[in-house]
Amino acid sequence: MYYAGFLIRARIKPEYSAEFVFQYTLTKKYYKYIIVTSQRSGQPGVNAQEYAEIEVVTPNFKEQIAIGNFFKQLDNIIVLHHQKIDSLHKLKCAYLQKMFL
């Protein structure tokens, strides 16, 4: 169980693609900003004011949609491949069980 003493809720303005912004949060640049910002005080964390200062360079809205959808599709493909790998591992285990019983 994890308890957060505070929670920052980010609202995405209508002129920005939520999927694009979400994908940005998965980048090394974002991760580095969060790490550096959270270590500035004795109590690690990022406050709402600091979080609001994150600069995200964005293309026009149509391109944001295309980029967000592209990475979302890649995420979906990765999930499908992981599921396939899991199934193949289970199949291998089943074959090994039958062979060496």
PDB file of N, CA and C in Angstrom:
ATOM      1  N   MET A   1       0.847  -1.169   0.000  1.00  0.00           N
ATOM      2  CA  MET A   1       0.000   0.000   0.000  1.00  0.00           C
ATOM      3  C   MET A   1       0.894   1.234   0.000  1.00  0.00           C
ATOM      4  N   TYR A   2       0.481   2.261  -0.684  1.00  0.00           N
ATOM      5  CA  TYR A   2       1.244   3.497  -0.767  1.00  0.00           C
ATOM      6  C   TYR A   2       0.338   4.648  -0.383  1.00  0.00           C
ATOM      7  N   TYR A   3       0.799   5.511   0.461  1.00  0.00           N
ATOM      8  CA  TYR A   3       0.032   6.675   0.866  1.00  0.00           C
ATOM      9  C   TYR A   3       0.796   7.926   0.480  1.00  0.00           C
ATOM     10  N   ALA A   4       0.171   8.797  -0.269  1.00  0.00           N
ATOM     11  CA  ALA A   4       0.786  10.073  -0.641  1.00  0.00           C
ATOM     12  C   ALA A   4       0.209  11.157   0.257  1.00  0.00           C
ATOM     13  N   GLY A   5       1.089  11.947   0.862  1.00  0.00           N
ATOM     14  CA  GLY A   5       0.639  13.028   1.730  1.00  0.00           C
ATOM     15  C   GLY A   5      -0.095  14.109   0.958  1.00  0.00           C
ATOM     16  N   PHE A   6       0.234  14.243  -0.306  1.00  0.00           N
ATOM     17  CA  PHE A   6      -0.479  15.171  -1.168  1.00  0.00           C
ATOM     18  C   PHE A   6      -0.497  14.601  -2.572  1.00  0.00           C
ATOM     19  N   LEU A   7      -1.404  15.077  -3.350  1.00  0.00           N
ATOM     20  CA  LEU A   7      -1.542  14.583  -4.711  1.00  0.00           C
ATOM     21  C   LEU A   7      -1.720  15.780  -5.627  1.00  0.00           C
ATOM     22  N   ILE A   8      -0.971  15.796  -6.702  1.00  0.00           N
ATOM     23  CA  ILE A   8      -1.082  16.876  -7.672  1.00  0.00           C
ATOM     24  C   ILE A   8      -1.907  16.355  -8.849  1.00  0.00           C
ATOM     25  N   ARG A   9      -2.947  17.084  -9.166  1.00  0.00           N
ATOM     26  CA  ARG A   9      -3.791  16.711 -10.300  1.00  0.00           C
ATOM     27  C   ARG A   9      -3.489  17.666 -11.446  1.00  0.00           C
ATOM     28  N   ALA A  10      -3.105  17.120 -12.565  1.00  0.00           N
ATOM     29  CA  ALA A  10      -2.815  17.945 -13.734  1.00  0.00           C
ATOM     30  C   ALA A  10      -4.024  17.929 -14.660  1.00  0.00           C
ATOM     31  N   ARG A  11      -4.438  19.093 -15.069  1.00  0.00           N
ATOM     32  CA  ARG A  11      -5.527  19.199 -16.033  1.00  0.00           C
ATOM     33  C   ARG A  11      -4.917  19.642 -17.361  1.00  0.00           C
ATOM     34  N   ILE A  12      -5.228  18.909 -18.386  1.00  0.00           N
ATOM     35  CA  ILE A  12      -4.688  19.204 -19.710  1.00  0.00           C
ATOM     36  C   ILE A  12      -5.643  20.182 -20.398  1.00  0.00           C
ATOM     37  N   LYS A  13      -5.089  21.297 -20.846  1.00  0.00           N
ATOM     38  CA  LYS A  13      -5.903  22.291 -21.544  1.00  0.00           C
ATOM     39  C   LYS A  13      -6.396  21.703 -22.861  1.00  0.00           C
ATOM     40  N   PRO A  14      -7.572  22.165 -23.338  1.00  0.00           N
ATOM     41  CA  PRO A  14      -8.151  21.596 -24.562  1.00  0.00           C
ATOM     42  C   PRO A  14      -7.272  21.733 -25.804  1.00  0.00           C
ATOM     43  N   GLU A  15      -6.372  22.691 -25.811  1.00  0.00           N
ATOM     44  CA  GLU A  15      -5.513  22.867 -26.991  1.00  0.00           C
ATOM     45  C   GLU A  15      -4.339  21.897 -27.022  1.00  0.00           C
ATOM     46  N   TYR A  16      -4.273  20.988 -26.026  1.00  0.00           N
ATOM     47  CA  TYR A  16      -3.218  19.991 -25.976  1.00  0.00           C
ATOM     48  C   TYR A  16      -3.819  18.594 -25.979  1.00  0.00           C
ATOM     49  N   SER A  17      -3.107  17.661 -26.557  1.00  0.00           N
ATOM     50  CA  SER A  17      -3.541  16.264 -26.593  1.00  0.00           C
ATOM     51  C   SER A  17      -3.108  15.578 -25.294  1.00  0.00           C
ATOM     52  N   ALA A  18      -4.066  15.022 -24.581  1.00  0.00           N
ATOM     53  CA  ALA A  18      -3.762  14.333 -23.326  1.00  0.00           C
ATOM     54  C   ALA A  18      -2.830  13.148 -23.561  1.00  0.00           C
ATOM     55  N   GLU A  19      -3.017  12.434 -24.662  1.00  0.00           N
ATOM     56  CA  GLU A  19      -2.156  11.280 -24.975  1.00  0.00           C
ATOM     57  C   GLU A  19      -0.730  11.744 -25.238  1.00  0.00           C
ATOM     58  N   PHE A  20      -0.570  12.862 -25.942  1.00  0.00           N
ATOM     59  CA  PHE A  20       0.760  13.414 -26.204  1.00  0.00           C
ATOM     60  C   PHE A  20       1.440  13.775 -24.890  1.00  0.00           C
ATOM     61  N   VAL A  21       0.713  14.455 -24.015  1.00  0.00           N
ATOM     62  CA  VAL A  21       1.277  14.854 -22.715  1.00  0.00           C
ATOM     63  C   VAL A  21       1.625  13.616 -21.891  1.00  0.00           C
ATOM     64  N   PHE A  22       0.750  12.610 -21.901  1.00  0.00           N
ATOM     65  CA  PHE A  22       1.039  11.372 -21.174  1.00  0.00           C
ATOM     66  C   PHE A  22       2.316  10.736 -21.690  1.00  0.00           C
ATOM     67  N   GLN A  23       2.460  10.647 -23.008  1.00  0.00           N
ATOM     68  CA  GLN A  23       3.663  10.041 -23.580  1.00  0.00           C
ATOM     69  C   GLN A  23       4.904  10.840 -23.193  1.00  0.00           C
ATOM     70  N   TYR A  24       4.759  12.156 -23.082  1.00  0.00           N
ATOM     71  CA  TYR A  24       5.884  12.990 -22.659  1.00  0.00           C
ATOM     72  C   TYR A  24       6.341  12.598 -21.250  1.00  0.00           C
ATOM     73  N   THR A  25       5.395  12.221 -20.389  1.00  0.00           N
ATOM     74  CA  THR A  25       5.756  11.846 -19.014  1.00  0.00           C
ATOM     75  C   THR A  25       6.557  10.548 -18.958  1.00  0.00           C
ATOM     76  N   LEU A  26       6.680   9.862 -20.068  1.00  0.00           N
ATOM     77  CA  LEU A  26       7.457   8.622 -20.123  1.00  0.00           C
ATOM     78  C   LEU A  26       8.876   8.846 -20.641  1.00  0.00           C
ATOM     79  N   THR A  27       9.242  10.103 -20.912  1.00  0.00           N
ATOM     80  CA  THR A  27      10.555  10.411 -21.482  1.00  0.00           C
ATOM     81  C   THR A  27      11.621  10.573 -20.397  1.00  0.00           C
ATOM     82  N   LYS A  28      12.872  10.440 -20.810  1.00  0.00           N
ATOM     83  CA  LYS A  28      13.999  10.649 -19.892  1.00  0.00           C
ATOM     84  C   LYS A  28      14.060  12.102 -19.428  1.00  0.00           C
ATOM     85  N   LYS A  29      13.716  13.023 -20.324  1.00  0.00           N
ATOM     86  CA  LYS A  29      13.740  14.444 -19.971  1.00  0.00           C
ATOM     87  C   LYS A  29      12.778  14.729 -18.814  1.00  0.00           C
ATOM     88  N   TYR A  30      11.570  14.200 -18.893  1.00  0.00           N
ATOM     89  CA  TYR A  30      10.578  14.374 -17.833  1.00  0.00           C
ATOM     90  C   TYR A  30      11.075  13.724 -16.543  1.00  0.00           C
ATOM     91  N   TYR A  31      11.564  12.495 -16.644  1.00  0.00           N
ATOM     92  CA  TYR A  31      12.051  11.760 -15.471  1.00  0.00           C
ATOM     93  C   TYR A  31      13.174  12.543 -14.786  1.00  0.00           C
ATOM     94  N   LYS A  32      14.091  13.060 -15.591  1.00  0.00           N
ATOM     95  CA  LYS A  32      15.210  13.825 -15.040  1.00  0.00           C
ATOM     96  C   LYS A  32      14.707  15.076 -14.317  1.00  0.00           C
ATOM     97  N   TYR A  33      13.740  15.774 -14.920  1.00  0.00           N
ATOM     98  CA  TYR A  33      13.174  16.968 -14.281  1.00  0.00           C
ATOM     99  C   TYR A  33      12.570  16.613 -12.925  1.00  0.00           C
ATOM    100  N   ILE A  34      11.819  15.551 -12.879  1.00  0.00           N
ATOM    101  CA  ILE A  34      11.169  15.143 -11.628  1.00  0.00           C
ATOM    102  C   ILE A  34      12.215  14.770 -10.581  1.00  0.00           C
ATOM    103  N   ILE A  35      13.239  14.029 -10.968  1.00  0.00           N
ATOM    104  CA  ILE A  35      14.292  13.621 -10.026  1.00  0.00           C
ATOM    105  C   ILE A  35      15.014  14.845  -9.473  1.00  0.00           C
ATOM    106  N   VAL A  36      15.447  15.736 -10.359  1.00  0.00           N
ATOM    107  CA  VAL A  36      16.191  16.926  -9.930  1.00  0.00           C
ATOM    108  C   VAL A  36      15.319  17.812  -9.054  1.00  0.00           C
ATOM    109  N   THR A  37      14.088  18.049  -9.466  1.00  0.00           N
ATOM    110  CA  THR A  37      13.187  18.928  -8.716  1.00  0.00           C
ATOM    111  C   THR A  37      12.826  18.336  -7.361  1.00  0.00           C
ATOM    112  N   SER A  38      12.653  17.043  -7.299  1.00  0.00           N
ATOM    113  CA  SER A  38      12.232  16.426  -6.037  1.00  0.00           C
ATOM    114  C   SER A  38      13.348  16.375  -5.006  1.00  0.00           C
ATOM    115  N   GLN A  39      14.592  16.559  -5.437  1.00  0.00           N
ATOM    116  CA  GLN A  39      15.716  16.473  -4.506  1.00  0.00           C
ATOM    117  C   GLN A  39      16.182  17.836  -4.006  1.00  0.00           C
ATOM    118  N   ARG A  40      15.457  18.892  -4.307  1.00  0.00           N
ATOM    119  CA  ARG A  40      15.874  20.236  -3.925  1.00  0.00           C
ATOM    120  C   ARG A  40      15.719  20.526  -2.440  1.00  0.00           C
ATOM    121  N   SER A  41      14.860  19.819  -1.771  1.00  0.00           N
ATOM    122  CA  SER A  41      14.640  20.093  -0.350  1.00  0.00           C
ATOM    123  C   SER A  41      14.923  18.849   0.469  1.00  0.00           C
ATOM    124  N   GLY A  42      14.868  19.004   1.780  1.00  0.00           N
ATOM    125  CA  GLY A  42      15.103  17.873   2.670  1.00  0.00           C
ATOM    126  C   GLY A  42      14.039  16.807   2.535  1.00  0.00           C
ATOM    127  N   GLN A  43      12.826  17.220   2.201  1.00  0.00           N
ATOM    128  CA  GLN A  43      11.715  16.285   2.015  1.00  0.00           C
ATOM    129  C   GLN A  43      11.500  16.083   0.511  1.00  0.00           C
ATOM    130  N   PRO A  44      11.901  14.934  -0.036  1.00  0.00           N
ATOM    131  CA  PRO A  44      11.762  14.730  -1.481  1.00  0.00           C
ATOM    132  C   PRO A  44      10.316  14.855  -1.952  1.00  0.00           C
ATOM    133  N   GLY A  45      10.142  15.462  -3.079  1.00  0.00           N
ATOM    134  CA  GLY A  45       8.813  15.621  -3.656  1.00  0.00           C
ATOM    135  C   GLY A  45       8.785  16.825  -4.569  1.00  0.00           C
ATOM    136  N   VAL A  46       7.754  16.906  -5.369  1.00  0.00           N
ATOM    137  CA  VAL A  46       7.563  18.035  -6.272  1.00  0.00           C
ATOM    138  C   VAL A  46       6.243  18.682  -5.893  1.00  0.00           C
ATOM    139  N   ASN A  47       6.272  19.980  -5.614  1.00  0.00           N
ATOM    140  CA  ASN A  47       5.015  20.641  -5.265  1.00  0.00           C
ATOM    141  C   ASN A  47       4.295  21.105  -6.533  1.00  0.00           C
ATOM    142  N   ALA A  48       3.052  21.516  -6.373  1.00  0.00           N
ATOM    143  CA  ALA A  48       2.221  21.883  -7.518  1.00  0.00           C
ATOM    144  C   ALA A  48       2.810  23.051  -8.294  1.00  0.00           C
ATOM    145  N   GLN A  49       3.389  24.020  -7.598  1.00  0.00           N
ATOM    146  CA  GLN A  49       3.965  25.180  -8.284  1.00  0.00           C
ATOM    147  C   GLN A  49       5.155  24.762  -9.151  1.00  0.00           C
ATOM    148  N   GLU A  50       6.016  23.915  -8.609  1.00  0.00           N
ATOM    149  CA  GLU A  50       7.151  23.419  -9.386  1.00  0.00           C
ATOM    150  C   GLU A  50       6.667  22.597 -10.578  1.00  0.00           C
ATOM    151  N   TYR A  51       5.659  21.782 -10.335  1.00  0.00           N
ATOM    152  CA  TYR A  51       5.135  20.929 -11.404  1.00  0.00           C
ATOM    153  C   TYR A  51       4.535  21.763 -12.529  1.00  0.00           C
ATOM    154  N   ALA A  52       3.908  22.860 -12.163  1.00  0.00           N
ATOM    155  CA  ALA A  52       3.293  23.737 -13.164  1.00  0.00           C
ATOM    156  C   ALA A  52       4.334  24.413 -14.050  1.00  0.00           C
ATOM    157  N   GLU A  53       5.584  24.432 -13.610  1.00  0.00           N
ATOM    158  CA  GLU A  53       6.642  25.099 -14.366  1.00  0.00           C
ATOM    159  C   GLU A  53       7.307  24.196 -15.410  1.00  0.00           C
ATOM    160  N   ILE A  54       6.891  22.948 -15.486  1.00  0.00           N
ATOM    161  CA  ILE A  54       7.463  22.050 -16.490  1.00  0.00           C
ATOM    162  C   ILE A  54       7.141  22.612 -17.869  1.00  0.00           C
ATOM    163  N   GLU A  55       8.174  22.725 -18.692  1.00  0.00           N
ATOM    164  CA  GLU A  55       7.973  23.199 -20.055  1.00  0.00           C
ATOM    165  C   GLU A  55       7.944  22.007 -21.000  1.00  0.00           C
ATOM    166  N   VAL A  56       6.866  21.906 -21.714  1.00  0.00           N
ATOM    167  CA  VAL A  56       6.719  20.832 -22.691  1.00  0.00           C
ATOM    168  C   VAL A  56       6.624  21.486 -24.067  1.00  0.00           C
ATOM    169  N   VAL A  57       7.597  21.216 -24.914  1.00  0.00           N
ATOM    170  CA  VAL A  57       7.568  21.745 -26.274  1.00  0.00           C
ATOM    171  C   VAL A  57       6.590  20.892 -27.072  1.00  0.00           C
ATOM    172  N   THR A  58       5.613  21.552 -27.672  1.00  0.00           N
ATOM    173  CA  THR A  58       4.579  20.817 -28.385  1.00  0.00           C
ATOM    174  C   THR A  58       4.447  21.307 -29.822  1.00  0.00           C
ATOM    175  N   PRO A  59       4.214  20.370 -30.722  1.00  0.00           N
ATOM    176  CA  PRO A  59       3.893  20.759 -32.095  1.00  0.00           C
ATOM    177  C   PRO A  59       2.424  21.187 -32.158  1.00  0.00           C
ATOM    178  N   ASN A  60       1.916  21.450 -33.332  1.00  0.00           N
ATOM    179  CA  ASN A  60       0.506  21.822 -33.438  1.00  0.00           C
ATOM    180  C   ASN A  60      -0.369  20.644 -32.999  1.00  0.00           C
ATOM    181  N   PHE A  61      -1.640  20.940 -32.722  1.00  0.00           N
ATOM    182  CA  PHE A  61      -2.542  19.953 -32.139  1.00  0.00           C
ATOM    183  C   PHE A  61      -2.672  18.702 -33.000  1.00  0.00           C
ATOM    184  N   LYS A  62      -2.775  18.868 -34.312  1.00  0.00           N
ATOM    185  CA  LYS A  62      -2.924  17.717 -35.210  1.00  0.00           C
ATOM    186  C   LYS A  62      -1.715  16.792 -35.097  1.00  0.00           C
ATOM    187  N   GLU A  63      -0.528  17.371 -35.023  1.00  0.00           N
ATOM    188  CA  GLU A  63       0.687  16.559 -34.878  1.00  0.00           C
ATOM    189  C   GLU A  63       0.745  15.904 -33.504  1.00  0.00           C
ATOM    190  N   GLN A  64       0.285  16.608 -32.472  1.00  0.00           N
ATOM    191  CA  GLN A  64       0.233  16.009 -31.130  1.00  0.00           C
ATOM    192  C   GLN A  64      -0.631  14.756 -31.141  1.00  0.00           C
ATOM    193  N   ILE A  65      -1.783  14.850 -31.785  1.00  0.00           N
ATOM    194  CA  ILE A  65      -2.693  13.697 -31.878  1.00  0.00           C
ATOM    195  C   ILE A  65      -2.000  12.543 -32.592  1.00  0.00           C
ATOM    196  N   ALA A  66      -1.345  12.839 -33.710  1.00  0.00           N
ATOM    197  CA  ALA A  66      -0.674  11.793 -34.489  1.00  0.00           C
ATOM    198  C   ALA A  66       0.450  11.150 -33.683  1.00  0.00           C
ATOM    199  N   ILE A  67       1.248  11.956 -33.012  1.00  0.00           N
ATOM    200  CA  ILE A  67       2.367  11.428 -32.224  1.00  0.00           C
ATOM    201  C   ILE A  67       1.850  10.608 -31.045  1.00  0.00           C
ATOM    202  N   GLY A  68       0.855  11.142 -30.331  1.00  0.00           N
ATOM    203  CA  GLY A  68       0.278  10.411 -29.200  1.00  0.00           C
ATOM    204  C   GLY A  68      -0.290   9.076 -29.618  1.00  0.00           C
ATOM    205  N   ASN A  69      -1.031   9.069 -30.729  1.00  0.00           N
ATOM    206  CA  ASN A  69      -1.617   7.819 -31.232  1.00  0.00           C
ATOM    207  C   ASN A  69      -0.549   6.828 -31.677  1.00  0.00           C
ATOM    208  N   PHE A  70       0.514   7.331 -32.305  1.00  0.00           N
ATOM    209  CA  PHE A  70       1.603   6.469 -32.745  1.00  0.00           C
ATOM    210  C   PHE A  70       2.211   5.716 -31.564  1.00  0.00           C
ATOM    211  N   PHE A  71       2.528   6.452 -30.494  1.00  0.00           N
ATOM    212  CA  PHE A  71       3.144   5.804 -29.335  1.00  0.00           C
ATOM    213  C   PHE A  71       2.157   4.928 -28.574  1.00  0.00           C
ATOM    214  N   LYS A  72       0.891   5.298 -28.597  1.00  0.00           N
ATOM    215  CA  LYS A  72      -0.123   4.449 -27.967  1.00  0.00           C
ATOM    216  C   LYS A  72      -0.225   3.117 -28.713  1.00  0.00           C
ATOM    217  N   GLN A  73      -0.171   3.170 -30.049  1.00  0.00           N
ATOM    218  CA  GLN A  73      -0.199   1.936 -30.840  1.00  0.00           C
ATOM    219  C   GLN A  73       1.021   1.074 -30.548  1.00  0.00           C
ATOM    220  N   LEU A  74       2.189   1.709 -30.420  1.00  0.00           N
ATOM    221  CA  LEU A  74       3.395   0.947 -30.076  1.00  0.00           C
ATOM    222  C   LEU A  74       3.240   0.282 -28.707  1.00  0.00           C
ATOM    223  N   ASP A  75       2.668   1.015 -27.748  1.00  0.00           N
ATOM    224  CA  ASP A  75       2.423   0.437 -26.423  1.00  0.00           C
ATOM    225  C   ASP A  75       1.519  -0.789 -26.534  1.00  0.00           C
ATOM    226  N   ASN A  76       0.478  -0.682 -27.349  1.00  0.00           N
ATOM    227  CA  ASN A  76      -0.444  -1.811 -27.530  1.00  0.00           C
ATOM    228  C   ASN A  76       0.258  -3.011 -28.167  1.00  0.00           C
ATOM    229  N   ILE A  77       1.116  -2.751 -29.144  1.00  0.00           N
ATOM    230  CA  ILE A  77       1.875  -3.831 -29.793  1.00  0.00           C
ATOM    231  C   ILE A  77       2.812  -4.497 -28.785  1.00  0.00           C
ATOM    232  N   ILE A  78       3.451  -3.684 -27.950  1.00  0.00           N
ATOM    233  CA  ILE A  78       4.354  -4.231 -26.926  1.00  0.00           C
ATOM    234  C   ILE A  78       3.584  -5.132 -25.973  1.00  0.00           C
ATOM    235  N   VAL A  79       2.402  -4.711 -25.559  1.00  0.00           N
ATOM    236  CA  VAL A  79       1.576  -5.530 -24.658  1.00  0.00           C
ATOM    237  C   VAL A  79       1.229  -6.854 -25.333  1.00  0.00           C
ATOM    238  N   LEU A  80       0.837  -6.798 -26.598  1.00  0.00           N
ATOM    239  CA  LEU A  80       0.492  -8.032 -27.313  1.00  0.00           C
ATOM    240  C   LEU A  80       1.686  -8.972 -27.414  1.00  0.00           C
ATOM    241  N   HIS A  81       2.856  -8.423 -27.669  1.00  0.00           N
ATOM    242  CA  HIS A  81       4.059  -9.269 -27.758  1.00  0.00           C
ATOM    243  C   HIS A  81       4.410  -9.869 -26.394  1.00  0.00           C
ATOM    244  N   HIS A  82       4.240  -9.093 -25.333  1.00  0.00           N
ATOM    245  CA  HIS A  82       4.486  -9.648 -23.997  1.00  0.00           C
ATOM    246  C   HIS A  82       3.521 -10.796 -23.702  1.00  0.00           C
ATOM    247  N   GLN A  83       2.261 -10.623 -24.104  1.00  0.00           N
ATOM    248  CA  GLN A  83       1.280 -11.691 -23.892  1.00  0.00           C
ATOM    249  C   GLN A  83       1.664 -12.934 -24.695  1.00  0.00           C
ATOM    250  N   LYS A  84       2.138 -12.729 -25.915  1.00  0.00           N
ATOM    251  CA  LYS A  84       2.550 -13.859 -26.746  1.00  0.00           C
ATOM    252  C   LYS A  84       3.746 -14.567 -26.119  1.00  0.00           C
ATOM    253  N   ILE A  85       4.705 -13.796 -25.627  1.00  0.00           N
ATOM    254  CA  ILE A  85       5.884 -14.378 -24.976  1.00  0.00           C
ATOM    255  C   ILE A  85       5.467 -15.182 -23.752  1.00  0.00           C
ATOM    256  N   ASP A  86       4.557 -14.621 -22.956  1.00  0.00           N
ATOM    257  CA  ASP A  86       4.070 -15.346 -21.771  1.00  0.00           C
ATOM    258  C   ASP A  86       3.419 -16.666 -22.169  1.00  0.00           C
ATOM    259  N   SER A  87       2.619 -16.632 -23.220  1.00  0.00           N
ATOM    260  CA  SER A  87       1.956 -17.855 -23.693  1.00  0.00           C
ATOM    261  C   SER A  87       2.980 -18.882 -24.161  1.00  0.00           C
ATOM    262  N   LEU A  88       4.008 -18.414 -24.861  1.00  0.00           N
ATOM    263  CA  LEU A  88       5.042 -19.333 -25.340  1.00  0.00           C
ATOM    264  C   LEU A  88       5.839 -19.928 -24.183  1.00  0.00           C
ATOM    265  N   HIS A  89       6.095 -19.134 -23.145  1.00  0.00           N
ATOM    266  CA  HIS A  89       6.780 -19.669 -21.959  1.00  0.00           C
ATOM    267  C   HIS A  89       5.938 -20.748 -21.289  1.00  0.00           C
ATOM    268  N   LYS A  90       4.632 -20.511 -21.190  1.00  0.00           N
ATOM    269  CA  LYS A  90       3.745 -21.500 -20.589  1.00  0.00           C
ATOM    270  C   LYS A  90       3.720 -22.770 -21.427  1.00  0.00           C
ATOM    271  N   LEU A  91       3.688 -22.604 -22.753  1.00  0.00           N
ATOM    272  CA  LEU A  91       3.693 -23.761 -23.649  1.00  0.00           C
ATOM    273  C   LEU A  91       4.986 -24.555 -23.489  1.00  0.00           C
ATOM    274  N   LYS A  92       6.105 -23.852 -23.409  1.00  0.00           N
ATOM    275  CA  LYS A  92       7.392 -24.515 -23.224  1.00  0.00           C
ATOM    276  C   LYS A  92       7.404 -25.308 -21.923  1.00  0.00           C
ATOM    277  N   CYS A  93       6.930 -24.697 -20.854  1.00  0.00           N
ATOM    278  CA  CYS A  93       6.879 -25.383 -19.554  1.00  0.00           C
ATOM    279  C   CYS A  93       6.004 -26.639 -19.626  1.00  0.00           C
ATOM    280  N   ALA A  94       4.888 -26.527 -20.326  1.00  0.00           N
ATOM    281  CA  ALA A  94       4.007 -27.676 -20.460  1.00  0.00           C
ATOM    282  C   ALA A  94       4.690 -28.809 -21.225  1.00  0.00           C
ATOM    283  N   TYR A  95       5.381 -28.455 -22.315  1.00  0.00           N
ATOM    284  CA  TYR A  95       6.120 -29.470 -23.075  1.00  0.00           C
ATOM    285  C   TYR A  95       7.208 -30.119 -22.225  1.00  0.00           C
ATOM    286  N   LEU A  96       7.921 -29.308 -21.467  1.00  0.00           N
ATOM    287  CA  LEU A  96       8.989 -29.856 -20.619  1.00  0.00           C
ATOM    288  C   LEU A  96       8.418 -30.785 -19.562  1.00  0.00           C
ATOM    289  N   GLN A  97       7.264 -30.429 -19.006  1.00  0.00           N
ATOM    290  CA  GLN A  97       6.608 -31.266 -18.001  1.00  0.00           C
ATOM    291  C   GLN A  97       6.256 -32.629 -18.613  1.00  0.00           C
ATOM    292  N   LYS A  98       5.691 -32.600 -19.817  1.00  0.00           N
ATOM    293  CA  LYS A  98       5.288 -33.852 -20.466  1.00  0.00           C
ATOM    294  C   LYS A  98       6.507 -34.697 -20.854  1.00  0.00           C
ATOM    295  N   MET A  99       7.568 -34.049 -21.293  1.00  0.00           N
ATOM    296  CA  MET A  99       8.768 -34.783 -21.729  1.00  0.00           C
ATOM    297  C   MET A  99       9.488 -35.442 -20.556  1.00  0.00           C
ATOM    298  N   PHE A 100       9.557 -34.768 -19.427  1.00  0.00           N
ATOM    299  CA  PHE A 100      10.391 -35.267 -18.341  1.00  0.00           C
ATOM    300  C   PHE A 100       9.597 -35.806 -17.155  1.00  0.00           C
ATOM    301  N   LEU A 101       8.379 -36.232 -17.371  1.00  0.00           N
ATOM    302  CA  LEU A 101       7.608 -36.865 -16.303  1.00  0.00           C
ATOM    303  C   LEU A 101       7.843 -38.335 -16.254  1.00  0.00           C
TER     304      LEU A 101
END
